[in-house]
């Protein structure tokens, strides 16, 4: 029985080490400090933006997809990023992020469905943001811990990868692209 307990302990340690050092969660803003192009929130999240993405459930299967029309407006160090989502199940959702740029690549953000204040870091071509989101009642009303990573590409596209967790377990993942809306390029 002690061999089984030792094996179980070894497996748990391996799972913990993998999740902390060899996974999505192991990324840190400093990992990208020297990568370009430089992500400027008030430039790259400004104007009309089109986003398309998919949401994966805890089993890794796609559960939903969406298209979002976004619009970013800035006044100095403060901005509002309005998002209007249409999901493949015909559900509509609107959110407005109120963003305040800080010092040394830091920023904060709030939104109506966010509990507390989101904390963000800008580093090189990336943005990391952590917050707690309250799901709509029709989705269970759960509070999830979210980590967003935005990766700016050389052509100006932004790739968004987000993980949502409850009690430390991944319950959903989102992958999306964000680009200037076609009408905004003219």
N, C-alpha and C. Protein backbone atom coordinates (compact mmCIF):
# COMPACT_ATOMS: atom_id res chain seq x y z
N UNK A 1 0.82 -1.20 0.00
CA UNK A 1 0.00 0.00 0.00
C UNK A 1 0.86 1.26 0.00
N UNK A 2 2.02 1.23 0.67
CA UNK A 2 2.87 2.42 0.70
C UNK A 2 3.45 2.72 -0.67
N UNK A 3 3.67 1.70 -1.50
CA UNK A 3 4.15 1.93 -2.87
C UNK A 3 3.08 2.65 -3.68
N UNK A 4 1.82 2.29 -3.48
CA UNK A 4 0.72 2.95 -4.18
C UNK A 4 0.61 4.41 -3.73
N UNK A 5 0.75 4.67 -2.44
CA UNK A 5 0.71 6.04 -1.93
C UNK A 5 1.87 6.86 -2.48
N UNK A 6 3.05 6.26 -2.56
CA UNK A 6 4.21 6.97 -3.11
C UNK A 6 4.00 7.27 -4.58
N UNK A 7 3.42 6.33 -5.34
CA UNK A 7 3.15 6.55 -6.76
C UNK A 7 2.13 7.66 -6.93
N UNK A 8 1.08 7.65 -6.13
CA UNK A 8 0.06 8.70 -6.19
C UNK A 8 0.68 10.06 -5.87
N UNK A 9 1.51 10.13 -4.85
CA UNK A 9 2.18 11.38 -4.49
C UNK A 9 3.07 11.87 -5.63
N UNK A 10 3.78 10.96 -6.27
CA UNK A 10 4.64 11.32 -7.39
C UNK A 10 3.83 11.86 -8.56
N UNK A 11 2.69 11.24 -8.83
CA UNK A 11 1.81 11.70 -9.91
C UNK A 11 1.29 13.10 -9.59
N UNK A 12 0.86 13.32 -8.37
CA UNK A 12 0.36 14.65 -7.98
C UNK A 12 1.44 15.71 -8.10
N UNK A 13 2.65 15.40 -7.69
CA UNK A 13 3.76 16.35 -7.82
C UNK A 13 4.03 16.63 -9.30
N UNK A 14 4.01 15.60 -10.14
CA UNK A 14 4.26 15.79 -11.58
C UNK A 14 3.18 16.67 -12.21
N UNK A 15 1.92 16.44 -11.84
CA UNK A 15 0.83 17.26 -12.36
C UNK A 15 1.01 18.71 -11.92
N UNK A 16 1.35 18.93 -10.67
CA UNK A 16 1.55 20.28 -10.16
C UNK A 16 2.71 20.97 -10.88
N UNK A 17 3.83 20.30 -11.02
CA UNK A 17 5.01 20.87 -11.69
C UNK A 17 4.66 21.21 -13.14
N UNK A 18 3.96 20.31 -13.83
CA UNK A 18 3.58 20.58 -15.21
C UNK A 18 2.69 21.82 -15.30
N UNK A 19 1.70 21.92 -14.43
CA UNK A 19 0.77 23.04 -14.51
C UNK A 19 1.43 24.37 -14.17
N UNK A 20 2.44 24.36 -13.34
CA UNK A 20 3.11 25.60 -12.93
C UNK A 20 4.29 25.99 -13.81
N UNK A 21 4.88 25.03 -14.52
CA UNK A 21 6.11 25.34 -15.25
C UNK A 21 6.06 25.01 -16.74
N UNK A 22 5.08 24.26 -17.20
CA UNK A 22 5.05 23.83 -18.60
C UNK A 22 3.65 23.93 -19.18
N UNK A 23 2.97 25.05 -18.95
CA UNK A 23 1.59 25.18 -19.42
C UNK A 23 1.24 26.65 -19.61
N UNK A 24 0.01 26.88 -20.01
CA UNK A 24 -0.53 28.23 -20.18
C UNK A 24 -0.30 29.07 -18.92
N UNK A 25 -0.53 28.48 -17.77
CA UNK A 25 -0.40 29.21 -16.50
C UNK A 25 1.03 29.61 -16.17
N UNK A 26 1.99 28.97 -16.79
CA UNK A 26 3.39 29.26 -16.44
C UNK A 26 3.93 30.52 -17.11
N UNK A 27 3.19 31.07 -18.09
CA UNK A 27 3.65 32.29 -18.77
C UNK A 27 3.71 33.46 -17.79
N UNK A 28 4.69 34.32 -18.02
CA UNK A 28 4.81 35.54 -17.23
C UNK A 28 5.06 36.70 -18.20
N UNK A 29 4.59 37.90 -17.86
CA UNK A 29 4.83 39.03 -18.77
C UNK A 29 6.30 39.19 -19.15
N UNK A 30 7.22 38.96 -18.23
CA UNK A 30 8.64 39.11 -18.51
C UNK A 30 9.15 38.17 -19.59
N UNK A 31 8.41 37.09 -19.86
CA UNK A 31 8.81 36.16 -20.92
C UNK A 31 8.81 36.83 -22.29
N UNK A 32 8.06 37.93 -22.43
CA UNK A 32 7.86 38.56 -23.73
C UNK A 32 8.40 39.98 -23.81
N UNK A 33 9.15 40.42 -22.81
CA UNK A 33 9.58 41.81 -22.72
C UNK A 33 10.37 42.27 -23.95
N UNK A 34 11.14 41.40 -24.56
CA UNK A 34 11.97 41.79 -25.71
C UNK A 34 11.33 41.47 -27.05
N UNK A 35 10.09 41.03 -27.05
CA UNK A 35 9.43 40.70 -28.31
C UNK A 35 8.63 41.89 -28.82
N UNK A 36 8.69 42.09 -30.11
CA UNK A 36 7.93 43.16 -30.74
C UNK A 36 6.92 42.57 -31.69
N UNK A 37 6.05 43.40 -32.20
CA UNK A 37 5.96 44.85 -31.97
C UNK A 37 5.40 45.16 -30.59
N UNK A 38 5.68 46.37 -30.12
CA UNK A 38 5.23 46.78 -28.80
C UNK A 38 3.71 46.94 -28.78
N UNK A 39 3.06 46.34 -27.80
CA UNK A 39 1.61 46.41 -27.65
C UNK A 39 1.27 47.71 -26.92
N UNK A 40 0.58 48.60 -27.60
CA UNK A 40 0.13 49.86 -27.01
C UNK A 40 -1.40 49.80 -26.92
N UNK A 41 -1.92 49.65 -25.71
CA UNK A 41 -3.37 49.49 -25.55
C UNK A 41 -4.16 50.60 -26.21
N UNK A 42 -3.74 51.85 -25.98
CA UNK A 42 -4.51 52.98 -26.52
C UNK A 42 -4.34 53.14 -28.02
N UNK A 43 -3.51 52.36 -28.64
CA UNK A 43 -3.40 52.35 -30.10
C UNK A 43 -4.04 51.09 -30.69
N UNK A 44 -3.68 49.93 -30.16
CA UNK A 44 -4.13 48.67 -30.74
C UNK A 44 -5.55 48.29 -30.33
N UNK A 45 -6.08 48.88 -29.26
CA UNK A 45 -7.47 48.67 -28.87
C UNK A 45 -8.25 49.96 -29.04
N UNK A 46 -8.05 50.60 -30.18
CA UNK A 46 -8.70 51.86 -30.50
C UNK A 46 -9.45 51.71 -31.82
N UNK A 47 -10.57 52.40 -31.94
CA UNK A 47 -11.36 52.33 -33.17
C UNK A 47 -12.21 51.08 -33.20
N UNK A 48 -12.73 50.79 -34.40
CA UNK A 48 -13.61 49.63 -34.58
C UNK A 48 -12.78 48.38 -34.80
N UNK A 49 -13.14 47.32 -34.08
CA UNK A 49 -12.41 46.06 -34.09
C UNK A 49 -13.40 44.92 -34.30
N UNK A 50 -13.03 43.96 -35.14
CA UNK A 50 -13.82 42.75 -35.34
C UNK A 50 -13.11 41.60 -34.65
N UNK A 51 -13.85 40.85 -33.85
CA UNK A 51 -13.28 39.68 -33.17
C UNK A 51 -14.11 38.45 -33.52
N UNK A 52 -13.43 37.35 -33.75
CA UNK A 52 -14.09 36.07 -33.98
C UNK A 52 -13.39 35.03 -33.13
N UNK A 53 -14.17 34.17 -32.48
CA UNK A 53 -13.52 33.20 -31.61
C UNK A 53 -14.36 31.99 -31.32
N UNK A 54 -13.74 31.07 -30.59
CA UNK A 54 -14.39 29.84 -30.16
C UNK A 54 -14.16 29.65 -28.67
N UNK A 55 -15.09 28.94 -28.04
CA UNK A 55 -15.00 28.64 -26.62
C UNK A 55 -15.01 27.12 -26.48
N UNK A 56 -14.06 26.63 -25.69
CA UNK A 56 -13.94 25.20 -25.44
C UNK A 56 -14.36 24.90 -24.01
N UNK A 57 -15.04 23.79 -23.81
CA UNK A 57 -15.46 23.36 -22.47
C UNK A 57 -14.34 22.62 -21.76
N UNK A 58 -14.64 22.12 -20.56
CA UNK A 58 -13.61 21.45 -19.76
C UNK A 58 -13.07 20.17 -20.39
N UNK A 59 -13.82 19.59 -21.33
CA UNK A 59 -13.36 18.37 -22.00
C UNK A 59 -12.54 18.66 -23.26
N UNK A 60 -12.31 19.96 -23.55
CA UNK A 60 -11.51 20.33 -24.71
C UNK A 60 -12.29 20.45 -26.00
N UNK A 61 -13.59 20.19 -25.96
CA UNK A 61 -14.42 20.28 -27.17
C UNK A 61 -15.02 21.68 -27.28
N UNK A 62 -15.16 22.14 -28.53
CA UNK A 62 -15.76 23.45 -28.75
C UNK A 62 -17.22 23.42 -28.31
N UNK A 63 -17.60 24.39 -27.51
CA UNK A 63 -18.98 24.48 -27.03
C UNK A 63 -19.75 25.63 -27.65
N UNK A 64 -19.04 26.63 -28.16
CA UNK A 64 -19.70 27.81 -28.71
C UNK A 64 -18.69 28.58 -29.54
N UNK A 65 -19.19 29.42 -30.42
CA UNK A 65 -18.34 30.35 -31.16
C UNK A 65 -19.03 31.71 -31.13
N UNK A 66 -18.30 32.74 -31.54
CA UNK A 66 -18.87 34.08 -31.48
C UNK A 66 -18.22 34.99 -32.50
N UNK A 67 -18.94 36.06 -32.77
CA UNK A 67 -18.41 37.22 -33.50
C UNK A 67 -18.69 38.41 -32.60
N UNK A 68 -17.72 39.29 -32.45
CA UNK A 68 -17.91 40.47 -31.60
C UNK A 68 -17.50 41.72 -32.37
N UNK A 69 -18.36 42.71 -32.30
CA UNK A 69 -18.04 44.04 -32.81
C UNK A 69 -17.55 44.84 -31.61
N UNK A 70 -16.35 45.38 -31.72
CA UNK A 70 -15.77 46.13 -30.60
C UNK A 70 -15.46 47.55 -31.05
N UNK A 71 -15.39 48.43 -30.08
CA UNK A 71 -15.02 49.81 -30.36
C UNK A 71 -14.24 50.36 -29.17
N UNK A 72 -13.03 50.84 -29.45
CA UNK A 72 -12.20 51.42 -28.40
C UNK A 72 -12.09 52.92 -28.55
N UNK A 73 -12.32 53.63 -27.45
CA UNK A 73 -12.20 55.09 -27.43
C UNK A 73 -11.33 55.46 -26.24
N UNK A 74 -10.38 56.36 -26.48
CA UNK A 74 -9.40 56.73 -25.45
C UNK A 74 -9.36 58.24 -25.25
N UNK A 75 -9.13 58.63 -24.01
CA UNK A 75 -8.89 60.02 -23.65
C UNK A 75 -7.69 60.01 -22.71
N UNK A 76 -6.52 60.19 -23.29
CA UNK A 76 -5.30 60.14 -22.49
C UNK A 76 -5.03 58.74 -21.99
N UNK A 77 -4.96 58.59 -20.67
CA UNK A 77 -4.64 57.29 -20.04
C UNK A 77 -5.87 56.44 -19.74
N UNK A 78 -7.06 56.94 -20.09
CA UNK A 78 -8.30 56.21 -19.82
C UNK A 78 -9.00 55.86 -21.12
N UNK A 79 -9.57 54.66 -21.15
CA UNK A 79 -10.27 54.24 -22.35
C UNK A 79 -11.44 53.35 -22.03
N UNK A 80 -12.33 53.21 -23.02
CA UNK A 80 -13.46 52.31 -22.92
C UNK A 80 -13.43 51.41 -24.15
N UNK A 81 -13.44 50.11 -23.91
CA UNK A 81 -13.52 49.13 -24.99
C UNK A 81 -14.90 48.49 -24.89
N UNK A 82 -15.79 48.86 -25.83
CA UNK A 82 -17.15 48.31 -25.87
C UNK A 82 -17.15 47.06 -26.72
N UNK A 83 -17.79 46.00 -26.22
CA UNK A 83 -17.84 44.72 -26.92
C UNK A 83 -19.30 44.30 -27.07
N UNK A 84 -19.68 43.89 -28.28
CA UNK A 84 -21.02 43.37 -28.53
C UNK A 84 -20.88 42.01 -29.20
N UNK A 85 -21.21 40.96 -28.44
CA UNK A 85 -21.02 39.58 -28.89
C UNK A 85 -22.31 39.00 -29.44
N UNK A 86 -22.19 38.21 -30.50
CA UNK A 86 -23.26 37.35 -30.99
C UNK A 86 -22.69 35.94 -31.01
N UNK A 87 -23.29 35.06 -30.21
CA UNK A 87 -22.81 33.68 -30.09
C UNK A 87 -23.53 32.78 -31.09
N UNK A 88 -22.94 31.62 -31.36
CA UNK A 88 -23.53 30.68 -32.32
C UNK A 88 -24.87 30.13 -31.84
N UNK A 89 -25.15 30.22 -30.54
CA UNK A 89 -26.46 29.80 -30.02
C UNK A 89 -27.46 30.96 -30.01
N UNK A 90 -27.13 32.04 -30.73
CA UNK A 90 -27.97 33.24 -30.90
C UNK A 90 -28.05 34.13 -29.66
N UNK A 91 -27.32 33.81 -28.61
CA UNK A 91 -27.29 34.68 -27.44
C UNK A 91 -26.50 35.94 -27.75
N UNK A 92 -26.94 37.06 -27.23
CA UNK A 92 -26.27 38.35 -27.39
C UNK A 92 -25.70 38.75 -26.04
N UNK A 93 -24.58 39.44 -26.07
CA UNK A 93 -23.98 39.93 -24.82
C UNK A 93 -23.22 41.22 -25.12
N UNK A 94 -23.33 42.17 -24.21
CA UNK A 94 -22.59 43.43 -24.33
C UNK A 94 -21.76 43.63 -23.06
N UNK A 95 -20.59 44.20 -23.25
CA UNK A 95 -19.70 44.50 -22.12
C UNK A 95 -18.93 45.77 -22.49
N UNK A 96 -18.66 46.60 -21.50
CA UNK A 96 -17.81 47.77 -21.69
C UNK A 96 -16.70 47.72 -20.65
N UNK A 97 -15.47 47.56 -21.13
CA UNK A 97 -14.30 47.60 -20.25
C UNK A 97 -13.88 49.05 -20.06
N UNK A 98 -13.72 49.47 -18.83
CA UNK A 98 -13.21 50.80 -18.51
C UNK A 98 -11.76 50.60 -18.06
N UNK A 99 -10.83 51.07 -18.89
CA UNK A 99 -9.41 50.77 -18.72
C UNK A 99 -8.66 52.02 -18.28
N UNK A 100 -7.78 51.87 -17.30
CA UNK A 100 -6.93 52.97 -16.86
C UNK A 100 -5.48 52.51 -16.92
N UNK A 101 -4.69 53.20 -17.74
CA UNK A 101 -3.26 52.88 -17.86
C UNK A 101 -2.53 53.37 -16.62
N UNK A 102 -1.59 52.57 -16.15
CA UNK A 102 -0.78 52.94 -14.99
C UNK A 102 0.67 53.10 -15.39
N UNK A 103 1.53 52.90 -14.44
CA UNK A 103 2.98 53.05 -14.67
C UNK A 103 3.62 51.68 -14.87
N UNK A 104 4.76 51.67 -15.54
CA UNK A 104 5.59 50.48 -15.72
C UNK A 104 4.83 49.31 -16.35
N UNK A 105 4.00 49.62 -17.36
CA UNK A 105 3.30 48.56 -18.08
C UNK A 105 2.10 47.98 -17.36
N UNK A 106 1.65 48.62 -16.31
CA UNK A 106 0.48 48.12 -15.56
C UNK A 106 -0.77 48.86 -16.00
N UNK A 107 -1.92 48.21 -15.82
CA UNK A 107 -3.20 48.87 -16.05
C UNK A 107 -4.27 48.15 -15.22
N UNK A 108 -5.39 48.82 -15.04
CA UNK A 108 -6.55 48.22 -14.37
C UNK A 108 -7.75 48.35 -15.29
N UNK A 109 -8.75 47.52 -15.04
CA UNK A 109 -9.96 47.57 -15.86
C UNK A 109 -11.15 47.10 -15.03
N UNK A 110 -12.31 47.65 -15.34
CA UNK A 110 -13.55 47.23 -14.71
C UNK A 110 -14.60 47.03 -15.79
N UNK A 111 -15.60 46.22 -15.47
CA UNK A 111 -16.76 46.01 -16.34
C UNK A 111 -17.90 45.54 -15.45
N UNK A 112 -19.13 45.67 -15.93
CA UNK A 112 -20.30 45.34 -15.10
C UNK A 112 -20.33 43.89 -14.64
N UNK A 113 -19.81 42.96 -15.45
CA UNK A 113 -19.88 41.55 -15.07
C UNK A 113 -18.57 41.04 -14.46
N UNK A 114 -17.72 41.97 -14.06
CA UNK A 114 -16.44 41.63 -13.43
C UNK A 114 -16.54 41.94 -11.94
N UNK A 115 -16.13 41.01 -11.11
CA UNK A 115 -16.12 41.23 -9.67
C UNK A 115 -14.78 41.87 -9.31
N UNK A 116 -14.84 43.05 -8.72
CA UNK A 116 -13.61 43.75 -8.34
C UNK A 116 -12.97 44.44 -9.53
N UNK A 117 -11.66 44.54 -9.50
CA UNK A 117 -10.89 45.26 -10.53
C UNK A 117 -9.93 44.29 -11.19
N UNK A 118 -9.95 44.27 -12.52
CA UNK A 118 -9.01 43.44 -13.27
C UNK A 118 -7.63 44.08 -13.20
N UNK A 119 -6.61 43.24 -13.09
CA UNK A 119 -5.22 43.70 -13.06
C UNK A 119 -4.56 43.30 -14.37
N UNK A 120 -3.85 44.25 -15.00
CA UNK A 120 -3.23 43.95 -16.28
C UNK A 120 -1.77 44.37 -16.34
N UNK A 121 -1.04 43.66 -17.20
CA UNK A 121 0.37 43.91 -17.43
C UNK A 121 0.62 43.92 -18.93
N UNK A 122 1.37 44.91 -19.41
CA UNK A 122 1.77 44.99 -20.81
C UNK A 122 3.26 44.73 -20.86
N UNK A 123 3.67 43.82 -21.74
CA UNK A 123 5.09 43.48 -21.83
C UNK A 123 5.41 43.08 -23.26
N UNK A 124 6.23 43.88 -23.93
CA UNK A 124 6.58 43.58 -25.32
C UNK A 124 5.33 43.54 -26.18
N UNK A 125 5.13 42.43 -26.87
CA UNK A 125 3.98 42.30 -27.77
C UNK A 125 2.79 41.62 -27.10
N UNK A 126 2.79 41.58 -25.77
CA UNK A 126 1.71 40.86 -25.07
C UNK A 126 1.04 41.70 -24.00
N UNK A 127 -0.17 41.26 -23.67
CA UNK A 127 -0.93 41.81 -22.56
C UNK A 127 -1.46 40.62 -21.75
N UNK A 128 -1.31 40.70 -20.44
CA UNK A 128 -1.91 39.70 -19.55
C UNK A 128 -2.89 40.43 -18.65
N UNK A 129 -4.07 39.84 -18.47
CA UNK A 129 -5.06 40.44 -17.58
C UNK A 129 -5.71 39.32 -16.77
N UNK A 130 -5.86 39.56 -15.46
CA UNK A 130 -6.51 38.60 -14.56
C UNK A 130 -7.68 39.28 -13.88
N UNK A 131 -8.79 38.52 -13.79
CA UNK A 131 -10.00 39.06 -13.19
C UNK A 131 -10.95 37.93 -12.84
N UNK A 132 -12.04 38.29 -12.14
CA UNK A 132 -13.10 37.34 -11.79
C UNK A 132 -14.36 37.78 -12.52
N UNK A 133 -14.90 36.88 -13.33
CA UNK A 133 -16.09 37.19 -14.11
C UNK A 133 -17.30 36.47 -13.52
N UNK A 134 -18.44 37.15 -13.52
CA UNK A 134 -19.69 36.56 -13.07
C UNK A 134 -20.48 36.19 -14.32
N UNK A 135 -20.70 34.90 -14.52
CA UNK A 135 -21.43 34.44 -15.70
C UNK A 135 -22.89 34.86 -15.61
N UNK A 136 -23.55 35.03 -16.77
CA UNK A 136 -24.99 35.35 -16.75
C UNK A 136 -25.78 34.24 -16.05
N UNK A 137 -26.95 34.59 -15.52
CA UNK A 137 -27.78 33.60 -14.82
C UNK A 137 -28.09 32.39 -15.68
N UNK A 138 -28.37 32.62 -16.98
CA UNK A 138 -28.70 31.50 -17.87
C UNK A 138 -27.50 30.57 -18.09
N UNK A 139 -26.30 31.02 -17.74
CA UNK A 139 -25.10 30.18 -17.83
C UNK A 139 -24.68 29.69 -16.44
N UNK A 140 -25.57 29.84 -15.47
CA UNK A 140 -25.30 29.31 -14.13
C UNK A 140 -24.92 30.34 -13.09
N UNK A 141 -24.57 31.56 -13.51
CA UNK A 141 -24.23 32.62 -12.56
C UNK A 141 -22.95 32.38 -11.78
N UNK A 142 -22.14 31.42 -12.23
CA UNK A 142 -20.89 31.10 -11.53
C UNK A 142 -19.89 32.26 -11.61
N UNK A 143 -19.00 32.32 -10.64
CA UNK A 143 -17.88 33.27 -10.66
C UNK A 143 -16.64 32.47 -11.04
N UNK A 144 -15.97 32.90 -12.12
CA UNK A 144 -14.80 32.21 -12.62
C UNK A 144 -13.57 33.10 -12.54
N UNK A 145 -12.43 32.50 -12.29
CA UNK A 145 -11.15 33.21 -12.34
C UNK A 145 -10.64 33.13 -13.77
N UNK A 146 -10.36 34.29 -14.37
CA UNK A 146 -9.98 34.35 -15.78
C UNK A 146 -8.57 34.91 -15.91
N UNK A 147 -7.81 34.30 -16.79
CA UNK A 147 -6.52 34.84 -17.22
C UNK A 147 -6.59 35.01 -18.73
N UNK A 148 -6.46 36.25 -19.18
CA UNK A 148 -6.42 36.58 -20.62
C UNK A 148 -4.99 36.86 -21.02
N UNK A 149 -4.59 36.35 -22.16
CA UNK A 149 -3.34 36.75 -22.80
C UNK A 149 -3.69 37.25 -24.19
N UNK A 150 -3.21 38.43 -24.54
CA UNK A 150 -3.35 38.98 -25.88
C UNK A 150 -1.96 39.04 -26.49
N UNK A 151 -1.84 38.52 -27.71
CA UNK A 151 -0.55 38.49 -28.41
C UNK A 151 -0.68 39.31 -29.69
N UNK A 152 0.08 40.38 -29.81
CA UNK A 152 0.06 41.24 -31.00
C UNK A 152 1.00 40.67 -32.05
N UNK A 153 0.48 40.47 -33.27
CA UNK A 153 1.31 39.95 -34.36
C UNK A 153 1.86 41.11 -35.18
N UNK A 154 2.83 40.81 -36.01
CA UNK A 154 3.48 41.86 -36.82
C UNK A 154 2.51 42.58 -37.75
N UNK A 155 1.46 41.89 -38.22
CA UNK A 155 0.52 42.54 -39.14
C UNK A 155 -0.60 43.28 -38.41
N UNK A 156 -0.52 43.36 -37.08
CA UNK A 156 -1.50 44.12 -36.30
C UNK A 156 -2.67 43.30 -35.78
N UNK A 157 -2.74 42.02 -36.14
CA UNK A 157 -3.79 41.16 -35.58
C UNK A 157 -3.44 40.86 -34.12
N UNK A 158 -4.47 40.66 -33.33
CA UNK A 158 -4.30 40.29 -31.93
C UNK A 158 -4.92 38.90 -31.75
N UNK A 159 -4.14 38.00 -31.16
CA UNK A 159 -4.64 36.67 -30.83
C UNK A 159 -4.93 36.67 -29.33
N UNK A 160 -6.14 36.31 -28.97
CA UNK A 160 -6.57 36.29 -27.57
C UNK A 160 -6.73 34.84 -27.14
N UNK A 161 -6.06 34.47 -26.06
CA UNK A 161 -6.25 33.15 -25.46
C UNK A 161 -6.57 33.37 -24.00
N UNK A 162 -7.68 32.79 -23.56
CA UNK A 162 -8.13 32.97 -22.18
C UNK A 162 -8.46 31.62 -21.57
N UNK A 163 -8.14 31.50 -20.29
CA UNK A 163 -8.56 30.32 -19.53
C UNK A 163 -9.43 30.77 -18.38
N UNK A 164 -10.53 30.03 -18.17
CA UNK A 164 -11.44 30.29 -17.08
C UNK A 164 -11.39 29.11 -16.12
N UNK A 165 -11.25 29.42 -14.84
CA UNK A 165 -11.08 28.37 -13.83
C UNK A 165 -12.08 28.55 -12.69
N UNK A 166 -12.44 27.42 -12.12
CA UNK A 166 -13.27 27.39 -10.91
C UNK A 166 -12.60 26.40 -9.97
N UNK A 167 -12.33 26.84 -8.75
CA UNK A 167 -11.61 26.01 -7.77
C UNK A 167 -10.29 25.50 -8.33
N UNK A 168 -9.63 26.31 -9.17
CA UNK A 168 -8.33 25.95 -9.74
C UNK A 168 -8.38 25.04 -10.95
N UNK A 169 -9.57 24.55 -11.29
CA UNK A 169 -9.72 23.64 -12.43
C UNK A 169 -10.17 24.42 -13.66
N UNK A 170 -9.56 24.12 -14.81
CA UNK A 170 -9.96 24.77 -16.06
C UNK A 170 -11.36 24.29 -16.44
N UNK A 171 -12.28 25.24 -16.61
CA UNK A 171 -13.65 24.90 -17.00
C UNK A 171 -13.98 25.38 -18.41
N UNK A 172 -13.18 26.31 -18.94
CA UNK A 172 -13.39 26.80 -20.29
C UNK A 172 -12.13 27.48 -20.79
N UNK A 173 -11.99 27.50 -22.10
CA UNK A 173 -10.89 28.21 -22.74
C UNK A 173 -11.45 28.91 -23.96
N UNK A 174 -10.96 30.10 -24.21
CA UNK A 174 -11.39 30.91 -25.35
C UNK A 174 -10.17 31.21 -26.21
N UNK A 175 -10.34 31.10 -27.52
CA UNK A 175 -9.31 31.51 -28.47
C UNK A 175 -10.01 32.40 -29.49
N UNK A 176 -9.46 33.60 -29.73
CA UNK A 176 -10.09 34.54 -30.64
C UNK A 176 -9.05 35.37 -31.37
N UNK A 177 -9.48 35.92 -32.50
CA UNK A 177 -8.66 36.89 -33.21
C UNK A 177 -9.35 38.24 -33.12
N UNK A 178 -8.55 39.29 -33.15
CA UNK A 178 -9.07 40.65 -33.15
C UNK A 178 -8.30 41.42 -34.22
N UNK A 179 -9.05 42.11 -35.08
CA UNK A 179 -8.44 42.91 -36.15
C UNK A 179 -9.24 44.19 -36.32
N UNK A 180 -8.60 45.22 -36.87
CA UNK A 180 -9.40 46.39 -37.21
C UNK A 180 -10.57 45.96 -38.10
N UNK A 181 -11.76 46.48 -37.82
CA UNK A 181 -12.94 46.13 -38.62
C UNK A 181 -12.70 46.52 -40.07
N UNK A 182 -13.23 45.73 -41.03
CA UNK A 182 -12.99 46.03 -42.45
C UNK A 182 -13.30 47.48 -42.82
N UNK A 183 -14.40 48.05 -42.30
CA UNK A 183 -14.75 49.43 -42.62
C UNK A 183 -13.75 50.42 -42.04
N UNK A 184 -13.07 50.04 -40.95
CA UNK A 184 -12.11 50.94 -40.29
C UNK A 184 -10.81 51.06 -41.07
N UNK A 185 -10.55 50.13 -42.00
CA UNK A 185 -9.30 50.17 -42.77
C UNK A 185 -9.35 51.18 -43.91
N UNK A 186 -10.56 51.56 -44.32
CA UNK A 186 -10.70 52.48 -45.46
C UNK A 186 -10.28 53.88 -45.13
